[in-house]
Amino acid sequence: MVRPGILDGVVMTLSGHKTPSIFDRYKIVSEADLERAAERLQSHLAGQPTQSKIAPIGAHPNSDQEPKI
């Protein structure tokens, strides 16, 4: 039930599992699950900006000068 996207809490209620630890014991991860997760992560990372928006402390965003320490 988890693979098609049903939330864990709903699955636990339907299956009668009382605690998350018992539910997790029987939630088996397959190779296909791992491959699908890796593909989703790669797709997410490909959409991220490639240039950092972080500036050193004390640097003015429109200045080429080094910050004064």
PDB file of N, CA and C in Angstrom:
ATOM      1  N   MET A   1       0.819  -1.209   0.000  1.00  0.00           N
ATOM      2  CA  MET A   1       0.000   0.000   0.000  1.00  0.00           C
ATOM      3  C   MET A   1       0.857   1.265   0.000  1.00  0.00           C
ATOM      4  N   VAL A   2       2.059   1.181   0.559  1.00  0.00           N
ATOM      5  CA  VAL A   2       2.927   2.355   0.622  1.00  0.00           C
ATOM      6  C   VAL A   2       3.474   2.705  -0.768  1.00  0.00           C
ATOM      7  N   ARG A   3       3.816   1.687  -1.562  1.00  0.00           N
ATOM      8  CA  ARG A   3       4.407   1.936  -2.886  1.00  0.00           C
ATOM      9  C   ARG A   3       3.529   2.787  -3.791  1.00  0.00           C
ATOM     10  N   PRO A   4       2.210   2.584  -3.820  1.00  0.00           N
ATOM     11  CA  PRO A   4       1.395   3.462  -4.670  1.00  0.00           C
ATOM     12  C   PRO A   4       1.150   4.840  -4.073  1.00  0.00           C
ATOM     13  N   GLY A   5       1.653   5.102  -2.847  1.00  0.00           N
ATOM     14  CA  GLY A   5       1.552   6.451  -2.303  1.00  0.00           C
ATOM     15  C   GLY A   5       0.570   6.644  -1.163  1.00  0.00           C
ATOM     16  N   ILE A   6       0.043   5.572  -0.607  1.00  0.00           N
ATOM     17  CA  ILE A   6      -0.862   5.709   0.532  1.00  0.00           C
ATOM     18  C   ILE A   6      -0.017   6.063   1.760  1.00  0.00           C
ATOM     19  N   LEU A   7      -0.450   7.051   2.515  1.00  0.00           N
ATOM     20  CA  LEU A   7       0.303   7.519   3.677  1.00  0.00           C
ATOM     21  C   LEU A   7       0.461   6.421   4.718  1.00  0.00           C
ATOM     22  N   ASP A   8       1.615   6.430   5.405  1.00  0.00           N
ATOM     23  CA  ASP A   8       1.914   5.402   6.402  1.00  0.00           C
ATOM     24  C   ASP A   8       0.824   5.279   7.462  1.00  0.00           C
ATOM     25  N   GLY A   9       0.322   6.399   7.963  1.00  0.00           N
ATOM     26  CA  GLY A   9      -0.709   6.356   8.997  1.00  0.00           C
ATOM     27  C   GLY A   9      -1.968   5.664   8.533  1.00  0.00           C
ATOM     28  N   VAL A  10      -2.339   5.881   7.293  1.00  0.00           N
ATOM     29  CA  VAL A  10      -3.533   5.227   6.731  1.00  0.00           C
ATOM     30  C   VAL A  10      -3.283   3.730   6.597  1.00  0.00           C
ATOM     31  N   VAL A  11      -2.097   3.370   6.095  1.00  0.00           N
ATOM     32  CA  VAL A  11      -1.761   1.949   5.949  1.00  0.00           C
ATOM     33  C   VAL A  11      -1.758   1.266   7.312  1.00  0.00           C
ATOM     34  N   MET A  12      -1.195   1.929   8.316  1.00  0.00           N
ATOM     35  CA  MET A  12      -1.161   1.350   9.660  1.00  0.00           C
ATOM     36  C   MET A  12      -2.572   1.091  10.189  1.00  0.00           C
ATOM     37  N   THR A  13      -3.469   2.020   9.950  1.00  0.00           N
ATOM     38  CA  THR A  13      -4.851   1.849  10.413  1.00  0.00           C
ATOM     39  C   THR A  13      -5.515   0.682   9.687  1.00  0.00           C
ATOM     40  N   LEU A  14      -5.326   0.616   8.369  1.00  0.00           N
ATOM     41  CA  LEU A  14      -5.943  -0.453   7.590  1.00  0.00           C
ATOM     42  C   LEU A  14      -5.365  -1.823   7.932  1.00  0.00           C
ATOM     43  N   SER A  15      -4.056  -1.873   8.200  1.00  0.00           N
ATOM     44  CA  SER A  15      -3.411  -3.159   8.444  1.00  0.00           C
ATOM     45  C   SER A  15      -3.430  -3.573   9.915  1.00  0.00           C
ATOM     46  N   GLY A  16      -3.798  -2.637  10.814  1.00  0.00           N
ATOM     47  CA  GLY A  16      -3.895  -2.964  12.221  1.00  0.00           C
ATOM     48  C   GLY A  16      -2.600  -2.834  12.999  1.00  0.00           C
ATOM     49  N   HIS A  17      -1.557  -2.231  12.399  1.00  0.00           N
ATOM     50  CA  HIS A  17      -0.305  -2.023  13.129  1.00  0.00           C
ATOM     51  C   HIS A  17      -0.520  -0.927  14.165  1.00  0.00           C
ATOM     52  N   LYS A  18      -0.137  -1.202  15.405  1.00  0.00           N
ATOM     53  CA  LYS A  18      -0.369  -0.252  16.493  1.00  0.00           C
ATOM     54  C   LYS A  18       0.739   0.782  16.642  1.00  0.00           C
ATOM     55  N   THR A  19       1.975   0.413  16.298  1.00  0.00           N
ATOM     56  CA  THR A  19       3.099   1.340  16.477  1.00  0.00           C
ATOM     57  C   THR A  19       3.902   1.452  15.186  1.00  0.00           C
ATOM     58  N   PRO A  20       4.543   2.613  14.972  1.00  0.00           N
ATOM     59  CA  PRO A  20       5.387   2.775  13.779  1.00  0.00           C
ATOM     60  C   PRO A  20       6.551   1.783  13.737  1.00  0.00           C
ATOM     61  N   SER A  21       7.078   1.392  14.900  1.00  0.00           N
ATOM     62  CA  SER A  21       8.217   0.469  14.894  1.00  0.00           C
ATOM     63  C   SER A  21       7.830  -0.903  14.334  1.00  0.00           C
ATOM     64  N   ILE A  22       6.653  -1.375  14.683  1.00  0.00           N
ATOM     65  CA  ILE A  22       6.183  -2.654  14.149  1.00  0.00           C
ATOM     66  C   ILE A  22       5.876  -2.516  12.661  1.00  0.00           C
ATOM     67  N   PHE A  23       5.260  -1.411  12.273  1.00  0.00           N
ATOM     68  CA  PHE A  23       4.960  -1.164  10.860  1.00  0.00           C
ATOM     69  C   PHE A  23       6.243  -1.145  10.044  1.00  0.00           C
ATOM     70  N   ASP A  24       7.270  -0.425  10.537  1.00  0.00           N
ATOM     71  CA  ASP A  24       8.541  -0.305   9.810  1.00  0.00           C
ATOM     72  C   ASP A  24       9.246  -1.652   9.677  1.00  0.00           C
ATOM     73  N   ARG A  25       9.045  -2.535  10.639  1.00  0.00           N
ATOM     74  CA  ARG A  25       9.683  -3.853  10.582  1.00  0.00           C
ATOM     75  C   ARG A  25       9.247  -4.618   9.337  1.00  0.00           C
ATOM     76  N   TYR A  26       8.030  -4.397   8.908  1.00  0.00           N
ATOM     77  CA  TYR A  26       7.492  -5.138   7.770  1.00  0.00           C
ATOM     78  C   TYR A  26       7.458  -4.335   6.474  1.00  0.00           C
ATOM     79  N   LYS A  27       7.923  -3.108   6.522  1.00  0.00           N
ATOM     80  CA  LYS A  27       7.954  -2.280   5.312  1.00  0.00           C
ATOM     81  C   LYS A  27       9.279  -2.548   4.594  1.00  0.00           C
ATOM     82  N   ILE A  28       9.268  -3.475   3.663  1.00  0.00           N
ATOM     83  CA  ILE A  28      10.464  -3.940   2.977  1.00  0.00           C
ATOM     84  C   ILE A  28      10.796  -2.997   1.813  1.00  0.00           C
ATOM     85  N   VAL A  29      12.084  -2.662   1.680  1.00  0.00           N
ATOM     86  CA  VAL A  29      12.561  -1.801   0.590  1.00  0.00           C
ATOM     87  C   VAL A  29      13.147  -2.701  -0.489  1.00  0.00           C
ATOM     88  N   SER A  30      12.667  -2.552  -1.722  1.00  0.00           N
ATOM     89  CA  SER A  30      13.159  -3.367  -2.828  1.00  0.00           C
ATOM     90  C   SER A  30      14.182  -2.582  -3.651  1.00  0.00           C
ATOM     91  N   GLU A  31      14.870  -3.287  -4.537  1.00  0.00           N
ATOM     92  CA  GLU A  31      15.816  -2.627  -5.444  1.00  0.00           C
ATOM     93  C   GLU A  31      15.088  -1.590  -6.304  1.00  0.00           C
ATOM     94  N   ALA A  32      13.892  -1.918  -6.744  1.00  0.00           N
ATOM     95  CA  ALA A  32      13.111  -0.983  -7.567  1.00  0.00           C
ATOM     96  C   ALA A  32      12.791   0.285  -6.785  1.00  0.00           C
ATOM     97  N   ASP A  33      12.498   0.135  -5.482  1.00  0.00           N
ATOM     98  CA  ASP A  33      12.241   1.304  -4.634  1.00  0.00           C
ATOM     99  C   ASP A  33      13.472   2.204  -4.581  1.00  0.00           C
ATOM    100  N   LEU A  34      14.646   1.603  -4.402  1.00  0.00           N
ATOM    101  CA  LEU A  34      15.890   2.368  -4.324  1.00  0.00           C
ATOM    102  C   LEU A  34      16.202   3.071  -5.650  1.00  0.00           C
ATOM    103  N   GLU A  35      15.988   2.368  -6.752  1.00  0.00           N
ATOM    104  CA  GLU A  35      16.235   2.970  -8.074  1.00  0.00           C
ATOM    105  C   GLU A  35      15.291   4.150  -8.318  1.00  0.00           C
ATOM    106  N   ARG A  36      14.035   3.976  -7.958  1.00  0.00           N
ATOM    107  CA  ARG A  36      13.045   5.039  -8.138  1.00  0.00           C
ATOM    108  C   ARG A  36      13.409   6.257  -7.279  1.00  0.00           C
ATOM    109  N   ALA A  37      13.863   6.018  -6.052  1.00  0.00           N
ATOM    110  CA  ALA A  37      14.265   7.114  -5.175  1.00  0.00           C
ATOM    111  C   ALA A  37      15.480   7.850  -5.739  1.00  0.00           C
ATOM    112  N   ALA A  38      16.455   7.106  -6.261  1.00  0.00           N
ATOM    113  CA  ALA A  38      17.645   7.728  -6.847  1.00  0.00           C
ATOM    114  C   ALA A  38      17.277   8.576  -8.066  1.00  0.00           C
ATOM    115  N   GLU A  39      16.358   8.086  -8.885  1.00  0.00           N
ATOM    116  CA  GLU A  39      15.906   8.851 -10.057  1.00  0.00           C
ATOM    117  C   GLU A  39      15.206  10.141  -9.637  1.00  0.00           C
ATOM    118  N   ARG A  40      14.354  10.060  -8.614  1.00  0.00           N
ATOM    119  CA  ARG A  40      13.643  11.248  -8.135  1.00  0.00           C
ATOM    120  C   ARG A  40      14.613  12.270  -7.553  1.00  0.00           C
ATOM    121  N   LEU A  41      15.618  11.787  -6.808  1.00  0.00           N
ATOM    122  CA  LEU A  41      16.619  12.685  -6.235  1.00  0.00           C
ATOM    123  C   LEU A  41      17.425  13.359  -7.336  1.00  0.00           C
ATOM    124  N   GLN A  42      17.845  12.597  -8.332  1.00  0.00           N
ATOM    125  CA  GLN A  42      18.606  13.162  -9.448  1.00  0.00           C
ATOM    126  C   GLN A  42      17.789  14.211 -10.190  1.00  0.00           C
ATOM    127  N   SER A  43      16.519  13.949 -10.401  1.00  0.00           N
ATOM    128  CA  SER A  43      15.638  14.903 -11.072  1.00  0.00           C
ATOM    129  C   SER A  43      15.505  16.183 -10.257  1.00  0.00           C
ATOM    130  N   HIS A  44      15.369  16.042  -8.942  1.00  0.00           N
ATOM    131  CA  HIS A  44      15.254  17.204  -8.058  1.00  0.00           C
ATOM    132  C   HIS A  44      16.533  18.035  -8.099  1.00  0.00           C
ATOM    133  N   LEU A  45      17.683  17.373  -7.999  1.00  0.00           N
ATOM    134  CA  LEU A  45      18.957  18.082  -7.990  1.00  0.00           C
ATOM    135  C   LEU A  45      19.232  18.773  -9.324  1.00  0.00           C
ATOM    136  N   ALA A  46      18.771  18.191 -10.415  1.00  0.00           N
ATOM    137  CA  ALA A  46      18.973  18.796 -11.736  1.00  0.00           C
ATOM    138  C   ALA A  46      18.224  20.121 -11.861  1.00  0.00           C
ATOM    139  N   GLY A  47      17.159  20.299 -11.094  1.00  0.00           N
ATOM    140  CA  GLY A  47      16.373  21.527 -11.146  1.00  0.00           C
ATOM    141  C   GLY A  47      16.852  22.605 -10.200  1.00  0.00           C
ATOM    142  N   GLN A  48      17.896  22.322  -9.422  1.00  0.00           N
ATOM    143  CA  GLN A  48      18.413  23.293  -8.457  1.00  0.00           C
ATOM    144  C   GLN A  48      19.338  24.298  -9.146  1.00  0.00           C
ATOM    145  N   PRO A  49      19.411  25.530  -8.622  1.00  0.00           N
ATOM    146  CA  PRO A  49      20.324  26.516  -9.204  1.00  0.00           C
ATOM    147  C   PRO A  49      21.774  26.060  -9.053  1.00  0.00           C
ATOM    148  N   THR A  50      22.586  26.395 -10.046  1.00  0.00           N
ATOM    149  CA  THR A  50      23.985  25.975 -10.014  1.00  0.00           C
ATOM    150  C   THR A  50      24.884  27.031  -9.398  1.00  0.00           C
ATOM    151  N   GLN A  51      24.399  28.256  -9.258  1.00  0.00           N
ATOM    152  CA  GLN A  51      25.200  29.332  -8.700  1.00  0.00           C
ATOM    153  C   GLN A  51      24.748  29.621  -7.274  1.00  0.00           C
ATOM    154  N   SER A  52      25.712  29.737  -6.373  1.00  0.00           N
ATOM    155  CA  SER A  52      25.408  29.996  -4.969  1.00  0.00           C
ATOM    156  C   SER A  52      24.932  31.432  -4.788  1.00  0.00           C
ATOM    157  N   LYS A  53      23.971  31.621  -3.891  1.00  0.00           N
ATOM    158  CA  LYS A  53      23.469  32.956  -3.570  1.00  0.00           C
ATOM    159  C   LYS A  53      24.042  33.453  -2.251  1.00  0.00           C
ATOM    160  N   ILE A  54      25.023  32.750  -1.717  1.00  0.00           N
ATOM    161  CA  ILE A  54      25.597  33.097  -0.419  1.00  0.00           C
ATOM    162  C   ILE A  54      26.812  33.996  -0.639  1.00  0.00           C
ATOM    163  N   ALA A  55      26.838  35.130   0.057  1.00  0.00           N
ATOM    164  CA  ALA A  55      27.963  36.062  -0.017  1.00  0.00           C
ATOM    165  C   ALA A  55      28.730  36.007   1.299  1.00  0.00           C
ATOM    166  N   PRO A  56      30.046  36.246   1.237  1.00  0.00           N
ATOM    167  CA  PRO A  56      30.816  36.276   2.482  1.00  0.00           C
ATOM    168  C   PRO A  56      30.306  37.381   3.408  1.00  0.00           C
ATOM    169  N   ILE A  57      30.459  37.194   4.701  1.00  0.00           N
ATOM    170  CA  ILE A  57      30.035  38.196   5.678  1.00  0.00           C
ATOM    171  C   ILE A  57      30.808  39.487   5.431  1.00  0.00           C
ATOM    172  N   GLY A  58      30.095  40.591   5.407  1.00  0.00           N
ATOM    173  CA  GLY A  58      30.711  41.894   5.219  1.00  0.00           C
ATOM    174  C   GLY A  58      30.832  42.310   3.761  1.00  0.00           C
ATOM    175  N   ALA A  59      30.586  41.418   2.834  1.00  0.00           N
ATOM    176  CA  ALA A  59      30.683  41.774   1.420  1.00  0.00           C
ATOM    177  C   ALA A  59      29.378  42.408   0.973  1.00  0.00           C
ATOM    178  N   HIS A  60      29.481  43.431   0.183  1.00  0.00           N
ATOM    179  CA  HIS A  60      28.307  44.074  -0.395  1.00  0.00           C
ATOM    180  C   HIS A  60      27.979  43.328  -1.684  1.00  0.00           C
ATOM    181  N   PRO A  61      26.723  43.018  -1.941  1.00  0.00           N
ATOM    182  CA  PRO A  61      26.364  42.215  -3.105  1.00  0.00           C
ATOM    183  C   PRO A  61      26.822  42.799  -4.436  1.00  0.00           C
ATOM    184  N   ASN A  62      26.955  44.123  -4.544  1.00  0.00           N
ATOM    185  CA  ASN A  62      27.335  44.744  -5.806  1.00  0.00           C
ATOM    186  C   ASN A  62      28.800  45.218  -5.803  1.00  0.00           C
ATOM    187  N   SER A  63      29.608  44.713  -4.889  1.00  0.00           N
ATOM    188  CA  SER A  63      30.993  45.142  -4.759  1.00  0.00           C
ATOM    189  C   SER A  63      31.936  44.017  -5.066  1.00  0.00           C
ATOM    190  N   ASP A  64      33.053  44.334  -5.727  1.00  0.00           N
ATOM    191  CA  ASP A  64      34.094  43.342  -6.013  1.00  0.00           C
ATOM    192  C   ASP A  64      35.161  43.357  -4.950  1.00  0.00           C
ATOM    193  N   GLN A  65      35.011  44.210  -3.926  1.00  0.00           N
ATOM    194  CA  GLN A  65      36.022  44.322  -2.882  1.00  0.00           C
ATOM    195  C   GLN A  65      35.919  43.180  -1.893  1.00  0.00           C
ATOM    196  N   GLU A  66      37.078  42.807  -1.323  1.00  0.00           N
ATOM    197  CA  GLU A  66      37.118  41.796  -0.275  1.00  0.00           C
ATOM    198  C   GLU A  66      36.522  42.392   0.998  1.00  0.00           C
ATOM    199  N   PRO A  67      35.860  41.607   1.815  1.00  0.00           N
ATOM    200  CA  PRO A  67      35.304  42.128   3.072  1.00  0.00           C
ATOM    201  C   PRO A  67      36.412  42.533   4.037  1.00  0.00           C
ATOM    202  N   LYS A  68      36.157  43.570   4.840  1.00  0.00           N
ATOM    203  CA  LYS A  68      37.106  44.003   5.853  1.00  0.00           C
ATOM    204  C   LYS A  68      36.840  43.222   7.120  1.00  0.00           C
ATOM    205  N   ILE A  69      37.891  42.677   7.691  1.00  0.00           N
ATOM    206  CA  ILE A  69      37.734  41.855   8.904  1.00  0.00           C
ATOM    207  C   ILE A  69      38.287  42.575  10.092  1.00  0.00           C
TER     208      ILE A  69
END
